[in-house]
Protein backbone atom coordinates (compact mmCIF):
# COMPACT_ATOMS: atom_id res chain seq x y z
CA MET A 1 -15.92 -2.98 1.83
CA LYS A 2 -12.40 -1.59 1.53
CA ARG A 3 -9.86 -4.48 1.39
CA LEU A 4 -11.03 -5.38 4.92
CA VAL A 5 -10.76 -1.89 6.26
CA SER A 6 -14.37 -0.78 6.03
CA SER A 7 -17.65 -2.67 6.53
CA GLY A 8 -17.60 -5.75 8.69
CA VAL A 9 -13.89 -5.69 9.50
CA CYS A 10 -13.27 -2.15 10.53
CA ALA A 11 -10.69 -3.31 13.10
CA LEU A 12 -8.11 -3.65 10.28
CA VAL A 13 -7.23 0.03 10.51
CA VAL A 14 -3.88 0.70 9.00
CA LEU A 15 -0.97 0.62 11.40
CA GLY A 16 2.60 1.78 10.69
CA LEU A 17 5.28 -0.66 9.79
CA ALA A 18 8.24 0.01 11.99
CA ALA A 19 11.40 1.14 10.30
CA CYS A 20 14.20 -1.36 10.34
CA SER A 21 17.09 0.47 8.79
CA SER A 22 18.72 3.80 9.14
CA ASP A 23 20.27 3.52 5.76
CA VAL A 24 17.29 5.08 4.08
CA ALA A 25 16.82 8.79 4.36
CA GLU A 26 13.83 10.09 6.41
CA ASP A 27 13.11 13.42 4.82
CA THR A 28 11.46 12.17 1.69
CA ASP A 29 9.48 15.37 1.13
CA ALA A 30 12.69 17.38 0.76
CA ALA A 31 13.53 16.37 -2.78
CA PRO A 32 14.20 19.23 -5.15
CA THR A 33 12.06 20.04 -8.07
CA LYS A 34 12.91 21.89 -11.38
CA ASP A 35 13.21 25.57 -11.29
CA ALA A 36 9.97 26.09 -13.13
CA THR A 37 6.88 24.12 -13.78
CA PRO A 38 6.80 22.83 -17.38
CA ALA A 39 4.68 24.71 -19.88
CA GLY A 40 1.34 23.40 -20.72
CA PRO A 41 -0.67 21.68 -21.84
CA TRP A 42 -0.55 18.73 -19.52
CA GLU A 43 -1.67 15.22 -20.42
CA TRP A 44 -1.88 11.99 -18.44
CA ASP A 45 -3.00 8.53 -19.40
CA ASP A 46 -4.58 7.30 -16.16
CA ALA A 47 -4.73 3.82 -14.80
CA ASP A 48 -8.58 3.95 -15.15
CA GLY A 49 -8.21 4.14 -18.92
CA GLU A 50 -9.06 7.72 -19.24
CA THR A 51 -6.75 10.41 -20.61
CA VAL A 52 -6.65 13.76 -18.74
CA THR A 53 -5.69 16.84 -20.60
CA LEU A 54 -5.31 20.32 -18.97
CA ASP A 55 -4.30 23.69 -20.41
CA GLU A 56 -1.63 24.09 -17.83
CA VAL A 57 0.44 21.70 -15.64
CA PRO A 58 -1.42 21.28 -12.38
CA THR A 59 0.24 22.68 -9.22
CA ARG A 60 -2.59 22.73 -6.65
CA ILE A 61 -2.80 19.04 -5.87
CA ILE A 62 -4.82 17.16 -3.32
CA ALA A 63 -3.73 13.63 -2.70
CA HIS A 64 -4.55 10.56 -0.76
CA SER A 65 -1.93 9.81 1.85
CA GLY A 66 -0.11 7.11 -0.10
CA ALA A 67 0.02 9.09 -3.28
CA ALA A 68 1.08 12.08 -1.37
CA ALA A 69 4.07 10.21 0.12
CA ALA A 70 5.03 9.13 -3.31
CA LEU A 71 4.86 12.50 -4.88
CA MET A 72 6.67 14.14 -1.90
CA SER A 73 9.61 11.80 -2.34
CA TYR A 74 10.13 13.52 -5.70
CA GLY A 75 9.57 17.10 -4.33
CA ILE A 76 5.89 17.51 -5.43
CA ARG A 77 4.14 18.84 -2.32
CA PRO A 78 0.33 18.68 -2.20
CA ILE A 79 -1.77 21.43 -0.82
CA GLY A 80 -4.17 18.95 0.75
CA ILE A 81 -4.11 15.31 2.09
CA TYR A 82 -6.87 12.86 2.97
CA ALA A 83 -5.97 9.66 4.82
CA ASP A 84 -7.69 6.46 6.06
CA GLU A 85 -6.69 7.16 9.59
CA SER A 86 -4.88 9.70 11.73
CA VAL A 87 -2.01 11.28 9.95
CA LYS A 88 0.06 10.63 13.09
CA THR A 89 -0.20 6.89 12.55
CA ASP A 90 -0.62 6.53 8.72
CA PRO A 91 2.53 4.54 7.76
CA ASN A 92 2.87 6.46 4.49
CA LEU A 93 3.23 9.77 6.28
CA GLN A 94 5.73 8.92 8.95
CA GLY A 95 8.77 11.19 8.86
CA LEU A 96 7.22 13.62 6.44
CA ASP A 97 6.86 17.40 7.03
CA LEU A 98 3.05 18.18 6.77
CA ASP A 99 3.32 21.67 7.97
CA GLY A 100 1.08 23.92 5.81
CA ILE A 101 -0.72 21.06 4.21
CA GLU A 102 -4.43 20.92 4.86
CA ILE A 103 -5.64 17.65 6.31
CA LEU A 104 -8.90 16.80 4.66
CA GLY A 105 -9.77 13.46 6.34
CA GLU A 106 -8.41 11.01 8.85
CA GLU A 107 -10.90 8.15 8.36
CA TRP A 108 -11.64 5.84 5.52
CA GLY A 109 -14.52 7.01 3.47
CA SER A 110 -14.84 10.50 5.10
CA ILE A 111 -13.35 13.45 3.19
CA ASP A 112 -14.07 17.12 4.03
CA VAL A 113 -15.05 18.12 0.53
CA ALA A 114 -16.24 21.59 1.65
CA LYS A 115 -12.72 22.37 3.01
CA ALA A 116 -11.18 20.80 -0.08
CA SER A 117 -13.16 23.16 -2.35
CA THR A 118 -11.62 26.18 -0.64
CA LEU A 119 -8.18 25.06 -1.77
CA ASN A 120 -9.20 25.36 -5.51
CA PRO A 121 -7.36 22.16 -6.51
CA ASP A 122 -6.50 21.49 -10.16
CA LEU A 123 -5.82 17.77 -9.72
CA ILE A 124 -6.62 14.98 -7.30
CA VAL A 125 -4.12 12.10 -7.03
CA ALA A 126 -5.12 8.77 -5.61
CA ASP A 127 -4.47 5.12 -6.35
CA TRP A 128 -6.66 3.33 -8.96
CA TRP A 129 -8.09 -0.04 -7.59
CA PRO A 130 -8.84 -2.34 -10.50
CA ALA A 131 -11.01 -4.71 -8.55
CA GLU A 132 -13.22 -1.86 -7.26
CA LYS A 133 -12.85 0.31 -10.34
CA ALA A 134 -12.34 3.40 -8.20
CA HIS A 135 -9.64 5.66 -6.97
CA SER A 136 -8.79 5.72 -3.22
CA GLY A 137 -11.46 7.51 -1.21
CA LEU A 138 -14.05 7.18 -4.00
CA GLU A 139 -14.84 3.46 -3.69
CA GLU A 140 -18.13 1.89 -3.00
CA GLY A 141 -19.02 2.26 0.77
CA VAL A 142 -17.53 5.74 1.31
CA LYS A 143 -19.77 8.53 2.43
CA GLU A 144 -21.63 9.91 -0.61
CA LYS A 145 -20.54 13.41 0.11
CA SER A 146 -16.90 12.29 -0.03
CA LYS A 147 -17.39 11.30 -3.66
CA ASP A 148 -17.97 14.94 -4.51
CA LEU A 149 -14.22 15.37 -4.28
CA ALA A 150 -14.12 14.19 -7.82
CA LYS A 151 -16.24 17.18 -8.88
CA LEU A 152 -13.49 19.56 -7.81
CA ALA A 153 -10.83 18.42 -10.29
CA ASP A 154 -9.77 15.51 -12.35
CA VAL A 155 -8.66 12.40 -10.48
CA VAL A 156 -5.55 10.41 -11.52
CA GLY A 157 -3.19 7.91 -9.96
CA ALA A 158 -0.96 4.87 -10.37
CA PRO A 159 -2.61 1.43 -10.30
CA GLN A 160 -2.79 -0.85 -7.26
CA GLY A 161 -3.02 -4.58 -8.03
CA GLY A 162 -0.21 -5.60 -10.44
CA SER A 163 3.01 -4.66 -8.53
CA ILE A 164 4.31 -2.21 -5.98
CA MET A 165 7.11 -1.70 -8.45
CA ALA A 166 4.47 -0.65 -11.06
CA LEU A 167 2.90 1.63 -8.44
CA THR A 168 6.07 3.36 -7.46
CA GLU A 169 7.17 3.70 -11.02
CA GLY A 170 3.80 5.13 -11.96
CA TYR A 171 4.08 7.85 -9.37
CA GLU A 172 7.68 8.55 -10.39
CA LYS A 173 6.33 9.16 -14.07
CA LEU A 174 3.53 11.32 -12.75
CA ALA A 175 5.84 13.32 -10.52
CA GLU A 176 8.09 14.03 -13.58
CA SER A 177 5.25 15.12 -15.66
CA LEU A 178 4.44 17.61 -12.93
CA GLY A 179 7.88 19.08 -13.00
CA ALA A 180 9.93 16.89 -10.62
CA ASP A 181 13.73 16.59 -11.26
CA ILE A 182 13.71 12.69 -10.80
CA GLU A 183 17.49 12.22 -10.98
CA SER A 184 18.22 14.72 -8.18
CA SER A 185 15.35 13.58 -5.95
CA GLN A 186 15.22 11.85 -2.68
CA GLY A 187 13.19 9.09 -4.47
CA ALA A 188 16.13 8.31 -6.68
CA LYS A 189 18.39 7.79 -3.70
CA ASP A 190 15.70 5.58 -2.07
CA ARG A 191 15.43 3.55 -5.13
CA ALA A 192 19.15 2.54 -4.75
CA ALA A 193 18.46 1.39 -1.16
CA PHE A 194 15.34 -0.52 -2.38
CA GLU A 195 17.31 -2.25 -5.05
CA ALA A 196 19.90 -3.50 -2.56
CA ALA A 197 17.13 -4.71 -0.23
CA ARG A 198 15.44 -6.51 -3.13
CA ASP A 199 18.66 -8.26 -4.13
CA GLU A 200 19.16 -9.53 -0.55
CA PHE A 201 15.58 -10.85 -0.47
CA SER A 202 16.02 -12.55 -3.76
CA ALA A 203 19.30 -14.17 -2.66
CA LEU A 204 17.58 -15.61 0.45
CA MET A 205 14.83 -16.94 -1.73
CA GLU A 206 17.32 -18.73 -3.93
CA GLU A 207 18.90 -20.17 -0.84
CA LYS A 208 15.57 -21.27 0.79
CA GLU A 209 12.42 -22.46 -0.97
CA ILE A 210 9.79 -20.97 1.31
CA SER A 211 6.02 -21.31 0.91
CA ALA A 212 3.88 -18.56 2.46
CA LEU A 213 0.19 -17.94 3.12
CA ALA A 214 -0.92 -14.34 3.54
CA VAL A 215 -3.90 -13.95 5.82
CA SER A 216 -5.92 -11.47 7.86
CA PRO A 217 -7.65 -13.19 10.85
CA ALA A 218 -11.05 -11.95 12.10
CA SER A 219 -13.12 -13.46 14.88
CA ASP A 220 -15.58 -15.02 12.47
CA LEU A 221 -13.37 -15.89 9.47
CA LEU A 222 -9.82 -16.39 8.36
CA TYR A 223 -9.31 -14.20 5.31
CA VAL A 224 -6.67 -15.65 2.79
CA ALA A 225 -5.24 -13.05 0.54
CA ASN A 226 -5.48 -13.44 -3.17
CA PRO A 227 -2.04 -12.41 -4.61
CA GLU A 228 -3.68 -11.25 -7.85
CA PHE A 229 -5.02 -8.15 -6.05
CA ALA A 230 -2.11 -7.76 -3.54
CA PRO A 231 0.66 -6.08 -5.42
CA GLU A 232 3.35 -6.59 -2.73
CA LEU A 233 2.58 -10.35 -2.78
CA LEU A 234 3.02 -10.50 -6.45
CA ASP A 235 6.41 -8.77 -6.11
CA PHE A 236 7.42 -11.17 -3.38
CA ALA A 237 6.40 -14.12 -5.56
CA GLU A 238 8.38 -12.79 -8.59
CA TRP A 239 11.42 -12.51 -6.39
CA GLY A 240 11.18 -16.19 -5.27
CA LEU A 241 8.73 -16.44 -2.31
CA GLY A 242 6.24 -19.34 -2.78
CA VAL A 243 3.05 -17.39 -2.15
CA ILE A 244 0.07 -19.65 -1.99
CA GLU A 245 -2.87 -18.78 -4.18
CA PRO A 246 -6.25 -19.60 -2.71
CA ASP A 247 -8.52 -21.61 -4.92
CA ALA A 248 -11.94 -20.35 -3.84
CA VAL A 249 -11.84 -16.43 -3.70
CA ASP A 250 -14.93 -14.39 -2.91
CA LYS A 251 -16.43 -13.56 -6.32
CA ASP A 252 -17.89 -10.35 -5.10
CA PHE A 253 -14.70 -9.13 -3.43
CA PRO A 254 -11.78 -11.13 -4.92
CA TYR A 255 -9.12 -9.82 -2.58
CA TRP A 256 -9.70 -12.78 -0.39
CA GLU A 257 -10.87 -16.34 0.20
CA ASN A 258 -13.14 -16.41 3.25
CA LEU A 259 -12.27 -19.54 5.29
CA SER A 260 -14.37 -20.62 8.28
CA TRP A 261 -12.16 -21.32 11.30
CA GLU A 262 -13.22 -25.01 11.07
CA ASN A 263 -11.28 -25.12 7.82
CA ALA A 264 -8.26 -23.03 8.91
CA ASP A 265 -5.98 -25.91 8.02
CA LYS A 266 -6.90 -25.90 4.34
CA TYR A 267 -3.46 -24.64 3.34
CA GLN A 268 -0.14 -25.71 4.99
CA PRO A 269 2.59 -23.21 4.30
CA ASP A 270 6.04 -22.92 5.77
CA VAL A 271 5.19 -19.50 7.14
CA VAL A 272 1.98 -17.46 7.78
CA LEU A 273 2.14 -13.76 6.83
CA ILE A 274 -0.35 -11.75 8.84
CA ASP A 275 -1.71 -8.42 7.63
CA GLY A 276 0.58 -5.97 9.20
CA ARG A 277 -2.09 -3.14 9.49
CA THR A 278 -3.16 -4.53 12.91
CA PHE A 279 -0.52 -7.24 13.39
CA ASP A 280 -0.62 -7.52 17.18
CA ASP A 281 -4.42 -7.52 17.38
CA SER A 282 -4.66 -9.94 14.53
CA VAL A 283 -2.30 -12.40 16.12
CA LYS A 284 -4.28 -12.27 19.32
CA THR A 285 -7.50 -12.81 17.36
CA ALA A 286 -5.94 -15.76 15.67
CA GLU A 287 -4.59 -17.27 18.86
CA ASP A 288 -8.11 -17.10 20.38
CA GLN A 289 -9.30 -19.63 17.78
CA PRO A 290 -8.83 -23.27 18.76
CA THR A 291 -8.11 -24.27 15.13
CA TRP A 292 -5.35 -21.62 14.55
CA THR A 293 -2.68 -24.16 15.46
CA SER A 294 -4.09 -26.65 12.97
CA ILE A 295 -1.88 -24.65 10.60
CA ARG A 296 1.45 -26.29 11.33
CA ALA A 297 3.39 -23.01 10.73
CA ALA A 298 1.21 -21.25 13.39
CA GLN A 299 1.83 -24.20 15.75
CA GLU A 300 5.63 -23.69 15.26
CA GLY A 301 5.44 -20.01 15.72
CA GLN A 302 6.42 -19.21 12.10
CA VAL A 303 4.16 -16.18 11.87
CA ILE A 304 5.51 -12.85 10.56
CA GLU A 305 4.18 -9.51 9.44
CA TRP A 306 3.02 -8.84 5.97
CA PRO A 307 3.15 -5.11 4.81
CA ALA A 308 -0.30 -5.22 3.28
CA PHE A 309 -1.80 -2.70 0.93
CA TRP A 310 0.06 0.56 1.97
CA LEU A 311 3.57 0.62 0.37
CA HIS A 312 4.12 3.54 -2.06
CA THR A 313 7.67 4.72 -1.79
CA TYR A 314 11.07 3.08 -2.40
CA ARG A 315 12.02 4.24 1.12
CA ASP A 316 9.27 2.29 2.75
CA TYR A 317 9.60 -0.71 0.36
CA ALA A 318 13.34 -0.96 1.23
CA GLU A 319 12.53 -0.91 5.00
CA ALA A 320 9.69 -3.50 4.54
CA LEU A 321 11.88 -5.86 2.48
CA GLU A 322 14.79 -5.64 4.97
CA LYS A 323 12.52 -6.62 7.79
CA LEU A 324 10.79 -9.37 5.73
CA THR A 325 14.20 -10.83 4.75
CA ASP A 326 15.40 -10.88 8.30
CA ASP A 327 12.13 -12.49 9.48
CA LEU A 328 12.17 -15.19 6.81
CA SER A 329 15.81 -16.06 7.31
CA ASP A 330 14.92 -18.36 10.34
CA VAL A 331 11.96 -20.12 8.74
CA ASP A 332 12.10 -23.86 8.77
CA VAL A 333 11.09 -24.88 5.22
CA THR A 334 10.03 -28.42 6.27
CA VAL A 335 6.99 -27.25 8.21
CA GLY A 336 4.70 -27.00 5.19
CA ASP A 337 5.71 -30.45 3.76
């Protein structure tokens, strides 16, 4: 089960988070690189604890969509991309020029390894998921043939789980090792926009003490997010949002506490954050449950979108924070009392 995307909750296919600002540049794949690839050898200490050493700096890179977006913001253009959904709707790839890049998969758990092998990659780049101890696309539950991707080249990536900041900085470091001119990149410009958005978010949190419960509603259960494995929630908490930590997470899949709808009112936040990957459908699913409004925030309509498990670039993070700050500005902080 992939963070409620695969297995019994396949309806949570990733949807794009609408852009909310024109201040952040759109052509994040246009960042310049250095004139020449650095001389080898190349070494990378990966998030999985392994050190990868190659005789030459890799240039033929296949990447998962989120990692691809991050690398492209620094001018590192992969030769192949695999995604968890259509590249036309994958939020990480919106606004990027994919012309000439081979698309190797548009469904979670399904990668065309035969086509990938024809690209002769010298590196695979994908997030590392600590809870599952696997890189994106190679987790438990994917098609067995998809796992053969790891036989084509070494797999590296920044870690999911601790912080989106750590994730973005990890890809910045990786891009630099691959020859990116970080200071002149679009990613550097986007970071300035992100920092401004973060400061506005933090200022609002100082003004208003808001408690929030992050959830993903399904017809059978209300999944309550465990911030320990939701890096954006950890960032929001660090910047002042009172993210509620569930006290009975699933031991086998610690991303969530699985609440029966009869117990939907276990936690009483000021605002409910709903998994943005299928926000509209999830709201409808929740509203079909008689006990949904036993959560006072839901009764009062204090339900907003949570950009869950997809942010990888400063551009997208800036836009998400601007939207979240705007949505939280009207929250009544007495609802959860």
